Structure formats: C-alpha cells, structure tokens
Amino acid sequence: MPTPSAKRAQARLVAASPIAIALAMLAIYIVWGTTYLAIRVVVDPDTGTAIPPFAMVAMRFAFAGVAMLVLTLIVARPALRGLTRRQVRDQAIVGVALNVGGLGVTSFGEQTIPSGITALMIALLPIWVAVIGRVVYKDRIAPLTALGIAVGIVGVAILVSPTTGGEGLDPLGLACILFSPLSWGGGSIWSQRRAETPADPRVAVTIQMLAGSLGGAIVALALGEWGQVRIESIGPDVAAALAYLITIGSLFAYNVYTWLLRVAPFGLVSTYAYVNPVVAVIAGSLILAEPISPQIVLGGAVVVGGVALIVTARNRTIKAGETAH
C-alpha cells in the first residue's frame, strides 16, 4: 500500500526498457500480493511462535527504516541537511497513520482473518480515499467513482455475510481490517495535500518508517505485547516471513514502485490495486491452505470490479489534468 504521489511523479516520464517495466510490474504484483501472507505467518497466534502485530510492526520498520537511512546517507546526504522541523513532523504523522493505523491494525486483524480475505478488504483503499476526499476536502465524486463505491460495498457485504459462508468472520478482526484502509487513506491524502514533504522521497519514507517503528513500539508496550515476544522461541517460518517483509516487502518493493512511477504510465502502475488481492487469495490457498469458497470468489470479484472502476475514473481524471496543462 504505497502513498499516492502520481501527479507529481508522472510529470515527466523517463525512458526505460519495456521488459524492465514488465518485470517490475510483475514484482509489485507478486510481492505486495504476498505480503498479506507473510503478515499472517508472523502474527498467527495458533503457531505458538508468532510475534504480536504491533511488536512486529516496530521490528519491521526499525530494520527497514535504518536501512533506508543508511541508503539516504550514502546517496542523498544533502537532502537530509535541508530537512525542516515541519517536514520531520508531517512525515512522522504520515508514518504513524500508514504504518501503525494502517499496517499495524491490519496485522492485528490478520490474527483471526485469513490473508486472502484481508487483501480483498484492503483493496477497498481507493473507496476510502474517494470518500475521505469528498467528506474532508469536498472533492467531486465522478459518476464512475460512485458506481465503483457502490459495487465495492456490495462485494464487502458478500464477503462478510455469515449466511453464505457458514461461520462468518471474527467481528474484532473484521473491524480492524475495515478500519486500517481508512487510516492509510487518510494519511495518504493528508500527505498529498497538507503535509510538507522533503524534496527527496527517500528522506520522506525513511522518516515514515522510523516513526512507524516508534509508534508500533509504543502501542505494543501499551498492549503488553513485548512481554509475549520470545526471540529464542520464534520459529524459522516466522523469522523468514519477517525478513521477507523487511527486505522484499518494504525495501525492494517500495523502490521498485517509485521507479515505476518515473518510467511508466500511472494507469499501468495502478493496476496493482486489483491484481494484488487476486495474488493474495491464490497464495493464501496454495501456501496456508486457506479455503477459496464460492462466496470468496463472488465477493472478491465484485470488490475487485469496484476497485477497477474507481481506479479507471482516477486515471481518467489524471489524464484530463495532463491534457489541460
């Protein structure tokens, strides 16, 4: 779930090999689609070797944030010197909203919600962004966006319905999965419209990661999670999944995504929004044996269809803005 900055990033595309772009898109599809699976492995309490969700967020972004800081010191040291207090403050707020309110709450919900269903619910992010934009910033909602919102809501109703799926979903876990895109979307919009951003995006993401780590550590302390962490008892699967989230999910995929925004049309890049959930459902089924019921297939297809409508409407708006200029 990246912070949207498409209009600025797409101002001037840099030439790149079509093969390189295709491989980068494939990487984003697979990596971001499988991070839900990795989170589920790390926080699943049934394994007996899990890391509690907010402690996991603290650890994940501590390692990733320090790595980004080292990278920035090596390749963009002047950008660090130009930082202002407001930039640090604003990016820290964004980091807490995205990485604690977004990913942390998602991880908490994944203790009881299957990774595939989680990914389908998180795919509602464009809906939350459109709704927040309308309520907070009085943005106009295009008819196609409104249709996408309605379709997405129908998809969610199908997914969470206990009448067609048997047992239904854990209410607390479901509430967390529904709330987390709200926090992510709110932080993303505020980052675009109100937050003061450093000129170099690597500086911004470094601050966001470190703030997310600190925020996660504080929440973990408040919930008593640190007392549940036993480093010596962490299983190899959990350790491997956490390493995957740190290196591939946070460091590799983020830099690939920012590169894609510089070289590829946003209409292509934004397809991750409805491909990732499909990848997540398939990965969860193949690796964790999560069931794929007719209800999940139908509800997921409706959710992805709604998201596709909203993304299409957004891409049309971006193209219209580019044409106007």
Protein backbone atom coordinates (compact mmCIF):
# COMPACT_ATOMS: atom_id res chain seq x y z
CA MET A 1 0.00 0.00 0.00
CA PRO A 2 2.04 2.93 -1.21
CA THR A 3 1.48 6.60 -0.58
CA PRO A 4 -0.03 8.03 -3.78
CA SER A 5 2.02 10.75 -5.44
CA ALA A 6 1.20 10.02 -9.04
CA LYS A 7 0.60 13.51 -10.38
CA ARG A 8 3.98 14.80 -9.25
CA ALA A 9 5.83 11.61 -10.19
CA GLN A 10 4.23 11.39 -13.64
CA ALA A 11 5.05 14.96 -14.67
CA ARG A 12 7.84 13.69 -16.93
CA LEU A 13 8.41 10.00 -17.63
CA VAL A 14 11.95 8.72 -18.02
CA ALA A 15 12.72 6.29 -20.84
CA ALA A 16 13.03 2.66 -19.74
CA SER A 17 13.05 -0.79 -21.31
CA PRO A 18 9.57 -2.31 -21.76
CA ILE A 19 10.99 -5.60 -20.45
CA ALA A 20 12.29 -3.88 -17.32
CA ILE A 21 8.90 -2.24 -16.75
CA ALA A 22 7.10 -5.56 -17.22
CA LEU A 23 9.41 -7.31 -14.76
CA ALA A 24 9.00 -4.50 -12.25
CA MET A 25 5.20 -4.69 -12.52
CA LEU A 26 5.34 -8.46 -12.05
CA ALA A 27 7.46 -7.94 -8.94
CA ILE A 28 4.94 -5.46 -7.49
CA TYR A 29 2.06 -7.83 -8.23
CA ILE A 30 3.74 -10.77 -6.53
CA VAL A 31 5.50 -9.01 -3.65
CA TRP A 32 2.64 -6.81 -2.46
CA GLY A 33 0.19 -9.62 -3.09
CA THR A 34 2.17 -11.97 -0.85
CA THR A 35 2.91 -9.55 1.99
CA TYR A 36 -0.52 -10.33 3.44
CA LEU A 37 0.50 -13.98 3.53
CA ALA A 38 3.79 -13.11 5.25
CA ILE A 39 2.00 -10.96 7.85
CA ARG A 40 -0.40 -13.82 8.57
CA VAL A 41 2.54 -16.19 9.13
CA VAL A 42 4.25 -13.75 11.52
CA VAL A 43 1.21 -12.89 13.68
CA ASP A 44 -0.84 -16.12 13.58
CA PRO A 45 -1.30 -16.98 17.29
CA ASP A 46 -2.05 -20.62 16.51
CA THR A 47 1.58 -21.29 15.58
CA GLY A 48 2.83 -20.71 19.14
CA THR A 49 5.89 -18.91 17.74
CA ALA A 50 4.18 -15.75 16.47
CA ILE A 51 5.26 -12.14 17.02
CA PRO A 52 2.38 -9.90 18.22
CA PRO A 53 1.21 -7.47 15.50
CA PHE A 54 2.39 -4.09 16.77
CA ALA A 55 5.67 -5.54 18.02
CA MET A 56 6.11 -6.95 14.53
CA VAL A 57 5.45 -3.50 13.01
CA ALA A 58 8.01 -1.96 15.37
CA MET A 59 10.64 -4.54 14.43
CA ARG A 60 9.87 -4.49 10.72
CA PHE A 61 10.14 -0.73 10.30
CA ALA A 62 13.05 -0.35 12.69
CA PHE A 63 15.19 -2.54 10.43
CA ALA A 64 13.74 -1.13 7.20
CA GLY A 65 13.96 2.48 8.43
CA VAL A 66 17.58 2.16 9.48
CA ALA A 67 18.42 0.56 6.13
CA MET A 68 16.70 3.42 4.30
CA LEU A 69 18.55 5.94 6.48
CA VAL A 70 21.90 4.37 5.59
CA LEU A 71 20.95 4.38 1.89
CA THR A 72 19.92 8.02 2.10
CA LEU A 73 23.15 8.97 3.87
CA ILE A 74 25.09 7.36 1.06
CA VAL A 75 23.19 8.64 -2.00
CA ALA A 76 21.22 11.69 -0.81
CA ARG A 77 23.04 13.26 2.13
CA PRO A 78 22.32 16.88 1.00
CA ALA A 79 18.58 16.14 1.17
CA LEU A 80 18.94 15.30 4.87
CA ARG A 81 20.72 18.58 5.56
CA GLY A 82 17.81 20.52 4.09
CA LEU A 83 15.18 18.97 6.36
CA THR A 84 12.94 21.30 8.34
CA ARG A 85 11.18 20.57 11.63
CA ARG A 86 7.82 20.75 9.95
CA GLN A 87 8.86 18.23 7.31
CA VAL A 88 10.00 15.82 10.01
CA ARG A 89 6.80 16.34 11.99
CA ASP A 90 4.49 15.96 9.00
CA GLN A 91 6.22 12.84 7.66
CA ALA A 92 6.19 11.32 11.16
CA ILE A 93 2.42 11.83 11.29
CA VAL A 94 2.07 10.20 7.89
CA GLY A 95 4.27 7.30 9.01
CA VAL A 96 2.13 6.65 12.09
CA ALA A 97 -1.10 6.83 10.06
CA LEU A 98 0.19 4.45 7.38
CA ASN A 99 2.37 2.04 9.29
CA VAL A 100 0.60 1.90 12.68
CA GLY A 101 -3.01 2.78 11.90
CA GLY A 102 -2.76 1.06 8.53
CA LEU A 103 -0.36 -1.88 8.60
CA GLY A 104 -0.36 -2.33 12.37
CA VAL A 105 -4.13 -2.57 12.61
CA THR A 106 -4.18 -4.80 9.53
CA SER A 107 -1.69 -7.11 11.23
CA PHE A 108 -3.83 -7.16 14.37
CA GLY A 109 -6.85 -8.17 12.30
CA GLU A 110 -4.91 -10.88 10.47
CA GLN A 111 -4.58 -12.79 13.72
CA THR A 112 -8.09 -14.06 13.03
CA ILE A 113 -8.89 -13.09 9.43
CA PRO A 114 -7.43 -15.15 6.52
CA SER A 115 -4.82 -13.35 4.44
CA GLY A 116 -6.79 -13.62 1.20
CA ILE A 117 -9.92 -12.04 2.64
CA THR A 118 -7.75 -9.38 4.30
CA ALA A 119 -6.24 -8.45 0.94
CA LEU A 120 -9.67 -8.20 -0.65
CA MET A 121 -10.86 -5.90 2.15
CA ILE A 122 -7.71 -3.76 1.96
CA ALA A 123 -8.36 -3.41 -1.77
CA LEU A 124 -11.13 -1.04 -0.70
CA LEU A 125 -8.46 1.64 -0.14
CA PRO A 126 -9.45 3.60 -3.30
CA ILE A 127 -13.02 3.71 -1.97
CA TRP A 128 -11.87 5.17 1.35
CA VAL A 129 -9.68 7.69 -0.47
CA ALA A 130 -12.63 8.83 -2.58
CA VAL A 131 -14.93 9.08 0.44
CA ILE A 132 -12.38 10.97 2.55
CA GLY A 133 -11.70 13.31 -0.35
CA ARG A 134 -15.41 14.06 -0.61
CA VAL A 135 -16.14 14.44 3.11
CA VAL A 136 -12.99 16.29 4.20
CA TYR A 137 -11.88 18.14 1.07
CA LYS A 138 -15.22 18.47 -0.76
CA ASP A 139 -13.88 16.71 -3.85
CA ARG A 140 -16.33 15.94 -6.60
CA ILE A 141 -17.08 12.24 -6.97
CA ALA A 142 -17.36 11.26 -10.62
CA PRO A 143 -20.29 9.00 -11.61
CA LEU A 144 -17.91 6.14 -12.40
CA THR A 145 -16.31 6.51 -8.95
CA ALA A 146 -19.72 6.50 -7.29
CA LEU A 147 -20.59 3.31 -9.17
CA GLY A 148 -17.30 1.76 -8.07
CA ILE A 149 -18.01 2.63 -4.43
CA ALA A 150 -21.45 1.04 -4.63
CA VAL A 151 -20.08 -2.09 -6.29
CA GLY A 152 -17.29 -2.36 -3.69
CA ILE A 153 -19.77 -2.12 -0.82
CA VAL A 154 -21.83 -4.92 -2.35
CA GLY A 155 -18.66 -7.04 -2.62
CA VAL A 156 -17.87 -6.47 1.05
CA ALA A 157 -21.41 -7.43 2.03
CA ILE A 158 -20.98 -10.70 0.16
CA LEU A 159 -17.59 -11.40 1.74
CA VAL A 160 -18.65 -10.80 5.35
CA SER A 161 -22.08 -12.41 5.11
CA PRO A 162 -22.30 -15.33 7.60
CA THR A 163 -25.28 -16.82 5.79
CA THR A 164 -23.34 -17.97 2.75
CA GLY A 165 -20.01 -18.73 4.38
CA GLY A 166 -21.03 -20.74 7.42
CA GLU A 167 -19.20 -19.48 10.50
CA GLY A 168 -18.71 -15.87 9.48
CA LEU A 169 -15.69 -13.72 10.36
CA ASP A 170 -14.36 -12.64 13.74
CA PRO A 171 -16.02 -9.25 14.46
CA LEU A 172 -12.95 -7.60 16.04
CA GLY A 173 -10.62 -8.81 13.31
CA LEU A 174 -13.08 -7.70 10.65
CA ALA A 175 -13.42 -4.26 12.27
CA CYS A 176 -9.64 -3.88 12.21
CA ILE A 177 -9.39 -4.87 8.55
CA LEU A 178 -12.14 -2.39 7.66
CA PHE A 179 -10.56 0.44 9.71
CA SER A 180 -6.99 0.09 8.52
CA PRO A 181 -7.57 1.35 4.95
CA LEU A 182 -9.34 4.37 6.48
CA SER A 183 -6.18 5.26 8.39
CA TRP A 184 -3.97 4.55 5.38
CA GLY A 185 -6.19 6.53 3.03
CA GLY A 186 -6.47 9.47 5.43
CA GLY A 187 -2.71 9.57 5.92
CA SER A 188 -2.11 9.32 2.19
CA ILE A 189 -4.46 12.17 1.30
CA TRP A 190 -3.07 14.37 4.07
CA SER A 191 0.43 13.59 2.83
CA GLN A 192 -0.52 14.81 -0.63
CA ARG A 193 -2.47 17.91 0.31
CA ARG A 194 -1.34 19.25 3.65
CA ALA A 195 1.93 17.68 4.74
CA GLU A 196 5.23 19.38 3.93
CA THR A 197 7.32 16.86 2.03
CA PRO A 198 11.12 16.67 1.58
CA ALA A 199 12.32 17.05 -1.99
CA ASP A 200 13.82 13.56 -1.99
CA PRO A 201 11.16 10.83 -1.49
CA ARG A 202 13.73 8.54 0.15
CA VAL A 203 14.02 11.00 3.03
CA ALA A 204 10.25 11.04 3.45
CA VAL A 205 9.94 7.25 3.52
CA THR A 206 12.85 6.98 5.96
CA ILE A 207 11.08 9.27 8.42
CA GLN A 208 7.78 7.45 7.87
CA MET A 209 9.34 4.07 8.57
CA LEU A 210 11.17 5.19 11.70
CA ALA A 211 8.06 6.96 13.02
CA GLY A 212 6.01 3.85 12.28
CA SER A 213 8.51 1.76 14.20
CA LEU A 214 8.38 4.07 17.22
CA GLY A 215 4.58 4.25 17.08
CA GLY A 216 4.31 0.48 16.81
CA ALA A 217 6.66 0.04 19.77
CA ILE A 218 4.53 2.38 21.91
CA VAL A 219 1.28 0.60 21.04
CA ALA A 220 2.94 -2.78 21.63
CA LEU A 221 4.06 -1.57 25.06
CA ALA A 222 0.55 -0.34 25.90
CA LEU A 223 -0.95 -3.70 24.89
CA GLY A 224 1.68 -5.72 26.74
CA GLU A 225 2.95 -7.29 23.53
CA TRP A 226 6.65 -7.04 24.37
CA GLY A 227 6.14 -9.45 27.25
CA GLN A 228 4.92 -12.01 24.70
CA VAL A 229 7.98 -11.75 22.46
CA ARG A 230 10.43 -14.60 22.99
CA ILE A 231 13.24 -14.29 20.47
CA GLU A 232 14.52 -17.78 21.23
CA SER A 233 11.13 -19.33 20.51
CA ILE A 234 10.49 -17.62 17.16
CA GLY A 235 10.13 -20.34 14.56
CA PRO A 236 12.02 -20.41 11.25
CA ASP A 237 8.83 -19.75 9.25
CA VAL A 238 8.08 -16.64 11.32
CA ALA A 239 11.67 -15.40 11.06
CA ALA A 240 11.70 -15.94 7.29
CA ALA A 241 8.36 -14.16 6.85
CA LEU A 242 9.54 -11.18 8.93
CA ALA A 243 12.76 -11.00 6.91
CA TYR A 244 10.67 -11.07 3.73
CA LEU A 245 8.54 -8.17 4.95
CA ILE A 246 11.61 -6.12 5.87
CA THR A 247 13.73 -6.71 2.78
CA ILE A 248 11.43 -7.58 -0.11
CA GLY A 249 8.14 -6.09 1.08
CA SER A 250 9.45 -2.78 2.46
CA LEU A 251 12.82 -2.01 0.88
CA PHE A 252 12.79 -3.70 -2.53
CA ALA A 253 9.14 -3.21 -3.48
CA TYR A 254 8.99 0.42 -2.38
CA ASN A 255 11.99 1.38 -4.50
CA VAL A 256 10.65 -0.58 -7.47
CA TYR A 257 7.32 1.23 -7.13
CA THR A 258 8.92 4.68 -7.00
CA TRP A 259 11.00 3.75 -10.07
CA LEU A 260 7.85 2.65 -11.92
CA LEU A 261 6.18 5.98 -11.18
CA ARG A 262 9.07 7.66 -13.02
CA VAL A 263 9.06 5.43 -16.11
CA ALA A 264 5.56 4.00 -16.62
CA PRO A 265 2.08 5.49 -17.11
CA PHE A 266 0.14 5.64 -13.86
CA GLY A 267 -2.73 3.74 -15.47
CA LEU A 268 -0.40 0.74 -15.76
CA VAL A 269 1.20 1.13 -12.35
CA SER A 270 -2.17 1.47 -10.59
CA THR A 271 -3.28 -1.99 -11.76
CA TYR A 272 -1.57 -3.34 -8.62
CA ALA A 273 -4.71 -2.24 -6.73
CA TYR A 274 -6.80 -5.03 -8.20
CA VAL A 275 -4.15 -7.60 -9.07
CA ASN A 276 -2.62 -7.82 -5.56
CA PRO A 277 -5.82 -9.17 -3.93
CA VAL A 278 -6.07 -11.93 -6.52
CA VAL A 279 -2.44 -12.89 -5.90
CA ALA A 280 -3.05 -12.84 -2.14
CA VAL A 281 -6.06 -15.15 -2.36
CA ILE A 282 -4.18 -17.64 -4.54
CA ALA A 283 -1.05 -17.51 -2.34
CA GLY A 284 -3.07 -17.98 0.83
CA SER A 285 -4.78 -21.01 -0.67
CA LEU A 286 -1.61 -22.63 -2.00
CA ILE A 287 0.68 -21.97 0.96
CA LEU A 288 -1.59 -21.73 4.01
CA ALA A 289 -4.43 -23.89 2.67
CA GLU A 290 -6.91 -21.05 3.18
CA PRO A 291 -10.23 -22.11 1.62
CA ILE A 292 -11.50 -20.45 -1.54
CA SER A 293 -15.26 -20.76 -1.33
CA PRO A 294 -17.79 -19.65 -3.94
CA GLN A 295 -18.61 -16.79 -1.56
CA ILE A 296 -15.00 -15.56 -1.59
CA VAL A 297 -14.79 -15.89 -5.37
CA LEU A 298 -18.01 -13.96 -5.91
CA GLY A 299 -17.39 -11.31 -3.25
CA GLY A 300 -13.78 -10.90 -4.28
CA ALA A 301 -14.69 -10.50 -7.93
CA VAL A 302 -17.25 -7.82 -7.04
CA VAL A 303 -14.76 -5.96 -4.79
CA VAL A 304 -12.04 -6.07 -7.45
CA GLY A 305 -14.56 -4.88 -10.05
CA GLY A 306 -15.49 -1.91 -7.87
CA VAL A 307 -11.85 -1.03 -7.32
CA ALA A 308 -11.17 -1.29 -11.06
CA LEU A 309 -13.97 1.21 -11.73
CA ILE A 310 -12.56 3.69 -9.21
CA VAL A 311 -9.00 3.33 -10.50
CA THR A 312 -10.26 3.84 -14.06
CA ALA A 313 -12.08 7.01 -13.00
CA ARG A 314 -8.96 8.29 -11.23
CA ASN A 315 -6.77 7.60 -14.27
CA ARG A 316 -9.21 9.50 -16.49
CA THR A 317 -9.04 12.46 -14.10
CA ILE A 318 -5.23 12.40 -14.17
CA LYS A 319 -5.18 12.24 -17.99
CA ALA A 320 -7.68 15.08 -18.22
CA GLY A 321 -5.48 17.19 -15.93
CA GLU A 322 -2.40 16.43 -18.02
CA THR A 323 -4.27 17.36 -21.21
CA ALA A 324 -5.46 20.63 -19.67
CA HIS A 325 -1.87 21.61 -18.99
